[in-house]
Amino acid sequence: MDDLLILFCVAGGLAALLANIGLWSAHRLRVKLGALIAAALFLPTAYMSLVSLLSRPKPIELEWTQPAPDETTLLASQMKEDVAIYLWVDRQGLMEPRAYVLPWDEELARELHEAQRAAESEGGTVQVRMSRRNKNREQMERMFYAAPPPAPPPKTVSGATESTPRRLAGNSAQ
């Protein structure tokens, strides 16, 4: 069993105990001390739960706090066959990258692998669609795709751009 689930169950049980004691507050001193101990145990349990969450990837479906962007840039990925697909993405507007986990899907893994190969050969990046439009498999948009590299800035030669014709010495028509 996952330690996060155990910590969550303990925190939930302690919170339920506190709520029950709060409803019946006309108890003896022993019961009130028990409520104080339960509250004291709730705080470190909740803290340990949050610390445990910091280092783990989150399922994309559970991204509730940030509005899902249409697309984001994939920084790294790891595929564990029959387990999960792990993603590290750079979300626009956030200071640090986010880690997500997708349930294992052979078709999705193939799509990610193809996008990574295409991005590598083109010199671009892999983009991730954080939400697909349809739940129907046939009409679903691709989740991973290779974005072309950004266009290089126009070259300038002594104040002229590429679109401005230059006259070469000795080729001037008179």
Protein backbone atom coordinates (compact mmCIF):
# COMPACT_ATOMS: atom_id res chain seq x y z
CA MET A 1 0.00 0.00 0.00
CA ASP A 2 1.24 3.47 -0.85
CA ASP A 3 2.45 5.49 2.14
CA LEU A 4 0.60 8.55 0.84
CA LEU A 5 -2.69 6.65 1.05
CA ILE A 6 -1.87 5.49 4.59
CA LEU A 7 -1.05 9.05 5.69
CA PHE A 8 -4.23 10.36 4.08
CA CYS A 9 -6.36 7.72 5.85
CA VAL A 10 -4.73 8.55 9.21
CA ALA A 11 -5.30 12.29 8.68
CA GLY A 12 -8.92 11.67 7.67
CA GLY A 13 -9.53 9.45 10.70
CA LEU A 14 -8.04 12.00 13.06
CA ALA A 15 -10.09 14.79 11.51
CA ALA A 16 -13.26 12.72 11.88
CA LEU A 17 -12.40 12.03 15.51
CA LEU A 18 -11.93 15.75 16.16
CA ALA A 19 -15.21 16.59 14.48
CA ASN A 20 -17.06 13.98 16.54
CA ILE A 21 -15.56 15.21 19.81
CA GLY A 22 -16.37 18.78 18.84
CA LEU A 23 -20.04 17.84 18.50
CA TRP A 24 -20.09 16.36 22.00
CA SER A 25 -18.00 18.95 23.84
CA ALA A 26 -19.62 18.37 27.26
CA HIS A 27 -17.33 15.42 28.06
CA ARG A 28 -14.96 14.71 30.89
CA LEU A 29 -11.40 15.94 31.03
CA ARG A 30 -10.00 12.65 29.69
CA VAL A 31 -12.03 12.97 26.50
CA LYS A 32 -11.00 16.59 26.01
CA LEU A 33 -7.34 15.60 26.51
CA GLY A 34 -7.87 12.87 23.91
CA ALA A 35 -9.18 15.53 21.52
CA LEU A 36 -6.10 17.64 22.20
CA ILE A 37 -3.79 14.68 21.52
CA ALA A 38 -5.68 13.83 18.33
CA ALA A 39 -5.35 17.44 17.14
CA ALA A 40 -1.65 17.40 18.00
CA LEU A 41 -1.19 14.20 15.97
CA PHE A 42 -3.16 15.61 13.04
CA LEU A 43 -0.71 18.44 12.39
CA PRO A 44 2.46 16.34 11.82
CA THR A 45 0.47 13.78 9.84
CA ALA A 46 -0.85 16.49 7.53
CA TYR A 47 2.65 17.94 7.21
CA MET A 48 4.16 14.56 6.31
CA SER A 49 1.44 14.08 3.70
CA LEU A 50 2.22 17.37 2.02
CA VAL A 51 5.97 16.77 2.07
CA SER A 52 5.41 13.37 0.51
CA LEU A 53 3.38 14.99 -2.29
CA LEU A 54 6.14 17.42 -3.23
CA SER A 55 8.36 14.86 -4.92
CA ARG A 56 5.74 12.85 -6.77
CA PRO A 57 4.27 13.37 -10.22
CA LYS A 58 0.60 14.25 -10.27
CA PRO A 59 -1.98 12.73 -12.62
CA ILE A 60 -2.90 15.32 -15.24
CA GLU A 61 -6.58 14.82 -14.39
CA LEU A 62 -5.91 16.16 -10.89
CA GLU A 63 -4.54 19.53 -12.05
CA TRP A 64 -7.20 21.68 -10.41
CA THR A 65 -5.25 24.62 -9.02
CA GLN A 66 -3.87 25.91 -12.34
CA PRO A 67 -6.00 26.39 -15.44
CA ALA A 68 -4.92 23.83 -18.02
CA PRO A 69 -3.13 25.49 -20.92
CA ASP A 70 -3.89 24.28 -24.42
CA GLU A 71 -0.26 23.29 -24.93
CA THR A 72 2.93 23.05 -22.95
CA THR A 73 6.55 22.10 -23.69
CA LEU A 74 7.85 18.66 -22.74
CA LEU A 75 11.22 18.85 -20.98
CA ALA A 76 11.69 15.14 -20.24
CA SER A 77 9.78 11.89 -20.13
CA GLN A 78 10.13 8.34 -18.92
CA MET A 79 8.01 5.42 -20.07
CA LYS A 80 7.68 2.34 -17.87
CA GLU A 81 5.89 -0.32 -19.86
CA ASP A 82 2.63 -1.52 -18.29
CA VAL A 83 3.13 0.96 -15.40
CA ALA A 84 2.95 4.64 -16.42
CA ILE A 85 4.25 7.47 -18.59
CA TYR A 86 6.03 10.16 -16.58
CA LEU A 87 6.27 13.71 -17.95
CA TRP A 88 8.20 16.78 -16.87
CA VAL A 89 6.73 19.86 -18.55
CA ASP A 90 7.38 23.59 -18.66
CA ARG A 91 4.02 25.28 -18.11
CA GLN A 92 3.63 28.84 -19.36
CA GLY A 93 3.19 31.34 -16.54
CA LEU A 94 4.65 29.10 -13.82
CA MET A 95 8.08 29.58 -12.29
CA GLU A 96 9.08 25.91 -12.14
CA PRO A 97 8.37 22.82 -14.23
CA ARG A 98 5.67 20.36 -13.21
CA ALA A 99 5.80 16.56 -13.03
CA TYR A 100 2.80 14.54 -14.23
CA VAL A 101 2.00 10.87 -14.61
CA LEU A 102 -0.26 9.25 -17.19
CA PRO A 103 -1.57 5.71 -16.93
CA TRP A 104 0.23 3.34 -19.30
CA ASP A 105 -1.27 3.35 -22.78
CA GLU A 106 0.57 1.65 -25.65
CA GLU A 107 -0.86 4.03 -28.26
CA LEU A 108 0.01 7.11 -26.20
CA ALA A 109 3.55 5.81 -25.60
CA ARG A 110 4.00 5.25 -29.34
CA GLU A 111 2.71 8.77 -30.03
CA LEU A 112 5.18 10.24 -27.52
CA HIS A 113 8.08 8.26 -28.97
CA GLU A 114 7.23 9.37 -32.55
CA ALA A 115 6.97 13.01 -31.46
CA GLN A 116 10.34 12.81 -29.69
CA ARG A 117 12.02 11.31 -32.77
CA ALA A 118 10.46 13.93 -35.07
CA ALA A 119 11.46 16.79 -32.75
CA GLU A 120 15.02 15.47 -32.55
CA SER A 121 15.37 15.19 -36.31
CA GLU A 122 13.86 18.66 -36.94
CA GLY A 123 15.63 20.37 -34.06
CA GLY A 124 12.34 21.35 -32.46
CA THR A 125 10.57 20.55 -29.21
CA VAL A 126 7.82 18.16 -28.17
CA GLN A 127 4.57 19.88 -27.28
CA VAL A 128 1.91 18.36 -25.02
CA ARG A 129 -1.81 19.03 -25.29
CA MET A 130 -2.88 19.00 -21.67
CA SER A 131 -6.52 18.32 -22.47
CA ARG A 132 -7.95 16.49 -25.41
CA ARG A 133 -11.21 17.66 -26.91
CA ASN A 134 -13.12 14.38 -27.26
CA LYS A 135 -13.22 11.23 -25.17
CA ASN A 136 -13.93 9.22 -28.34
CA ARG A 137 -10.65 7.56 -29.44
CA GLU A 138 -11.23 8.09 -33.19
CA GLN A 139 -11.88 11.82 -32.87
CA MET A 140 -9.30 12.55 -30.15
CA GLU A 141 -6.52 15.01 -30.96
CA ARG A 142 -2.91 13.89 -30.65
CA MET A 143 -1.56 14.55 -27.17
CA PHE A 144 2.12 14.75 -28.21
CA TYR A 145 3.50 16.36 -31.34
CA ALA A 146 6.77 17.81 -32.59
CA ALA A 147 6.79 21.58 -32.88
CA PRO A 148 9.15 23.02 -35.48
CA PRO A 149 12.08 25.07 -34.21
CA PRO A 150 11.50 28.83 -34.07
CA ALA A 151 12.51 30.75 -37.17
CA PRO A 152 15.93 32.36 -36.86
CA PRO A 153 15.99 36.16 -36.76
CA PRO A 154 16.62 37.85 -40.12
CA LYS A 155 20.28 38.43 -40.93
CA THR A 156 21.52 41.97 -41.20
CA VAL A 157 24.43 43.12 -43.30
CA SER A 158 25.60 46.68 -42.73
CA GLY A 159 22.12 47.92 -41.91
CA ALA A 160 20.32 45.96 -44.66
CA THR A 161 18.16 42.90 -44.10
CA GLU A 162 18.00 39.81 -46.30
CA SER A 163 14.99 41.17 -48.14
CA THR A 164 16.93 44.33 -49.13
CA PRO A 165 19.02 43.73 -52.27
CA ARG A 166 22.73 44.50 -51.99
CA ARG A 167 24.92 45.73 -54.78
CA LEU A 168 28.16 43.94 -55.18
CA ALA A 169 31.27 45.86 -56.11
CA GLY A 170 31.92 45.70 -59.85
CA ASN A 171 28.35 44.57 -60.71
CA SER A 172 26.64 47.93 -60.71
CA ALA A 173 24.65 48.65 -63.85
CA GLN A 174 24.96 52.19 -65.20
